[in-house]
N, C-alpha and C. Protein backbone atom coordinates (compact mmCIF):
# COMPACT_ATOMS: atom_id res chain seq x y z
N MET A 1 -2.04 10.32 -21.76
CA MET A 1 -1.70 9.27 -20.58
C MET A 1 -1.48 7.88 -20.83
N ASN A 2 -0.66 6.95 -21.29
CA ASN A 2 -0.38 5.73 -21.54
C ASN A 2 -1.08 4.83 -20.51
N VAL A 3 -1.29 3.32 -21.04
CA VAL A 3 -1.79 2.47 -20.29
C VAL A 3 -0.19 2.12 -19.08
N LYS A 4 0.83 1.99 -19.70
CA LYS A 4 1.91 1.62 -18.67
C LYS A 4 1.92 2.75 -17.46
N ARG A 5 1.96 4.04 -17.84
CA ARG A 5 2.13 5.25 -16.74
C ARG A 5 0.93 5.30 -16.30
N THR A 6 -0.45 5.01 -16.28
CA THR A 6 -1.23 5.13 -15.57
C THR A 6 -1.13 3.65 -14.56
N PHE A 7 -0.93 2.03 -14.79
CA PHE A 7 -0.42 0.95 -14.31
C PHE A 7 0.82 1.26 -13.19
N GLY A 8 1.44 2.44 -13.57
CA GLY A 8 2.32 2.53 -12.69
C GLY A 8 2.08 3.52 -11.86
N THR A 9 0.94 4.47 -11.66
CA THR A 9 0.65 5.47 -10.79
C THR A 9 -0.33 4.26 -9.87
N ILE A 10 -1.00 3.55 -10.39
CA ILE A 10 -1.82 2.83 -9.40
C ILE A 10 -1.19 1.87 -8.70
N LEU A 11 0.02 1.31 -9.32
CA LEU A 11 1.14 0.55 -8.14
C LEU A 11 1.81 1.39 -7.38
N THR A 12 2.24 2.32 -7.89
CA THR A 12 2.66 3.38 -6.88
C THR A 12 1.50 3.73 -5.62
N ILE A 13 0.63 3.98 -5.91
CA ILE A 13 -0.20 4.38 -4.83
C ILE A 13 -0.81 3.06 -4.02
N LEU A 14 -0.75 1.91 -4.55
CA LEU A 14 -0.68 0.87 -3.51
C LEU A 14 0.22 0.59 -2.98
N GLY A 15 1.38 0.59 -3.25
CA GLY A 15 2.27 0.22 -2.66
C GLY A 15 2.52 1.33 -1.39
N ILE A 16 2.35 2.84 -1.52
CA ILE A 16 2.05 3.86 -0.47
C ILE A 16 1.25 3.30 0.48
N ILE A 17 0.07 3.16 0.12
CA ILE A 17 -1.05 2.46 1.22
C ILE A 17 -0.55 1.41 1.75
N GLY A 18 0.32 0.15 1.00
CA GLY A 18 0.58 -1.09 1.94
C GLY A 18 1.88 -0.56 3.01
N LEU A 19 2.56 0.65 2.37
CA LEU A 19 3.73 1.00 3.15
C LEU A 19 2.83 1.55 4.59
N ILE A 20 2.09 2.45 4.14
CA ILE A 20 1.58 2.97 5.50
C ILE A 20 0.86 2.09 6.46
N TYR A 21 0.05 1.20 6.00
CA TYR A 21 -0.84 -0.09 6.70
C TYR A 21 0.34 -0.56 7.62
N THR A 22 1.71 -0.72 6.95
CA THR A 22 2.24 -1.72 7.79
C THR A 22 3.41 -1.11 8.66
N GLY A 23 3.83 0.08 8.44
CA GLY A 23 3.82 0.94 9.43
C GLY A 23 2.86 1.58 10.59
N VAL A 24 1.61 1.67 10.49
CA VAL A 24 0.91 1.57 11.61
C VAL A 24 0.62 0.75 12.22
N SER A 25 0.71 -0.91 11.74
CA SER A 25 0.89 -1.83 12.21
C SER A 25 1.76 -2.09 13.64
N ILE A 26 2.57 -1.54 12.73
CA ILE A 26 3.73 -2.05 13.18
C ILE A 26 4.27 -1.09 15.13
N ILE A 27 3.60 0.05 14.46
CA ILE A 27 3.51 1.05 15.96
C ILE A 27 2.76 0.58 16.79
N GLN A 28 1.12 0.28 16.32
CA GLN A 28 0.51 -0.06 17.23
C GLN A 28 0.33 -1.89 17.74
N HIS A 29 1.46 -2.30 17.17
CA HIS A 29 1.46 -4.17 17.69
C HIS A 29 0.20 -4.72 16.84
N ASP A 30 -0.34 -4.41 16.02
CA ASP A 30 -1.21 -4.98 15.67
C ASP A 30 -0.65 -6.49 14.50
N GLY A 31 -1.39 -7.20 14.55
CA GLY A 31 -0.96 -8.32 13.41
C GLY A 31 0.24 -9.23 13.90
N ASN A 32 -0.04 -10.17 12.91
CA ASN A 32 0.89 -11.04 13.14
C ASN A 32 2.33 -10.56 12.50
N PHE A 33 3.80 -10.71 12.75
CA PHE A 33 4.98 -10.26 12.35
C PHE A 33 4.88 -10.93 10.62
N THR A 34 4.77 -12.43 10.67
CA THR A 34 4.90 -12.99 9.02
C THR A 34 3.90 -12.12 8.16
N THR A 35 2.70 -11.83 8.61
CA THR A 35 1.87 -11.09 8.15
C THR A 35 2.23 -9.70 7.32
N LEU A 36 2.86 -9.07 8.24
CA LEU A 36 3.59 -7.63 8.30
C LEU A 36 4.63 -7.50 7.57
N THR A 37 5.11 -8.54 7.63
CA THR A 37 6.56 -8.84 6.72
C THR A 37 6.28 -8.89 5.27
N VAL A 38 5.36 -9.65 5.14
CA VAL A 38 4.93 -10.06 3.88
C VAL A 38 3.97 -8.68 2.85
N VAL A 39 3.38 -8.28 3.94
CA VAL A 39 2.65 -7.06 3.43
C VAL A 39 3.68 -5.95 3.08
N GLY A 40 4.73 -5.57 3.97
CA GLY A 40 5.78 -4.78 3.63
C GLY A 40 6.22 -5.11 2.50
N ILE A 41 6.63 -6.29 2.16
CA ILE A 41 7.86 -6.36 0.74
C ILE A 41 6.77 -6.49 -0.43
N ILE A 42 5.69 -7.10 -0.28
CA ILE A 42 4.54 -6.74 -1.61
C ILE A 42 4.65 -5.06 -1.68
N ALA A 43 4.47 -4.41 -0.73
CA ALA A 43 4.34 -3.08 -0.84
C ALA A 43 5.60 -2.12 -1.20
N ILE A 44 6.56 -2.84 -0.90
CA ILE A 44 7.74 -2.27 -1.55
C ILE A 44 8.09 -2.85 -2.76
N LEU A 45 7.58 -3.51 -3.29
CA LEU A 45 7.86 -4.61 -4.84
C LEU A 45 6.87 -3.53 -5.50
N PHE A 46 5.60 -3.45 -5.30
CA PHE A 46 4.63 -2.53 -5.85
C PHE A 46 5.30 -0.67 -6.13
N PHE A 47 5.71 -0.79 -4.55
CA PHE A 47 6.22 1.09 -4.79
C PHE A 47 7.36 0.98 -5.82
N PHE A 48 8.35 0.47 -5.83
CA PHE A 48 9.25 0.84 -6.54
C PHE A 48 8.74 0.05 -8.29
N THR A 49 8.13 -0.66 -8.46
CA THR A 49 8.14 -1.49 -9.66
C THR A 49 7.13 -0.04 -10.49
N GLY A 50 6.12 0.44 -9.64
CA GLY A 50 5.26 1.76 -9.96
C GLY A 50 6.18 3.08 -10.28
N ILE A 51 6.83 3.37 -9.48
CA ILE A 51 8.02 4.67 -9.84
C ILE A 51 9.07 4.03 -11.03
N SER A 52 9.52 2.91 -11.41
CA SER A 52 10.07 2.58 -12.43
C SER A 52 9.33 2.51 -13.99
N LEU A 53 8.17 2.36 -13.67
CA LEU A 53 7.38 2.12 -14.93
C LEU A 53 6.77 3.65 -15.10
N ILE A 54 6.76 4.56 -14.14
CA ILE A 54 6.84 6.02 -14.59
C ILE A 54 7.79 6.37 -15.03
N ARG A 55 9.00 6.50 -14.73
CA ARG A 55 10.00 7.26 -15.04
C ARG A 55 10.55 6.64 -16.40
N ASN A 56 10.42 4.90 -16.77
CA ASN A 56 10.70 4.59 -17.89
C ASN A 56 10.04 4.86 -18.94
N THR A 57 8.83 5.13 -18.74
CA THR A 57 7.87 5.18 -19.67
C THR A 57 7.88 6.19 -20.58
N LYS A 58 8.22 6.43 -22.06
CA LYS A 58 7.94 7.92 -22.52
C LYS A 58 6.54 8.21 -23.18
N ASP A 59 6.87 9.44 -23.05
CA ASP A 59 5.27 10.23 -23.50
C ASP A 59 5.94 10.40 -24.80
N GLU A 60 4.66 10.21 -25.73
CA GLU A 60 4.88 9.90 -27.49
C GLU A 60 3.49 10.59 -27.78
N ALA A 61 3.52 11.52 -28.52
CA ALA A 61 2.28 12.06 -28.92
C ALA A 61 1.44 11.32 -29.91
N ALA A 62 0.48 10.75 -29.94
CA ALA A 62 -0.53 10.07 -30.74
C ALA A 62 -0.32 10.51 -32.61
């Protein structure tokens, strides 16, 4: 497993955690709207960046 694919996995997991946090906070009416918006946007960016890193990285045997 190479570094790009590992970093993509980490970004994807962080994005999922951020999206879950944002969703739970919206349902429970916790936090400020601006804070939840920023966390949600950053989580979406992390998620889709991680997915694209995983998909576009080729597996090459060394």
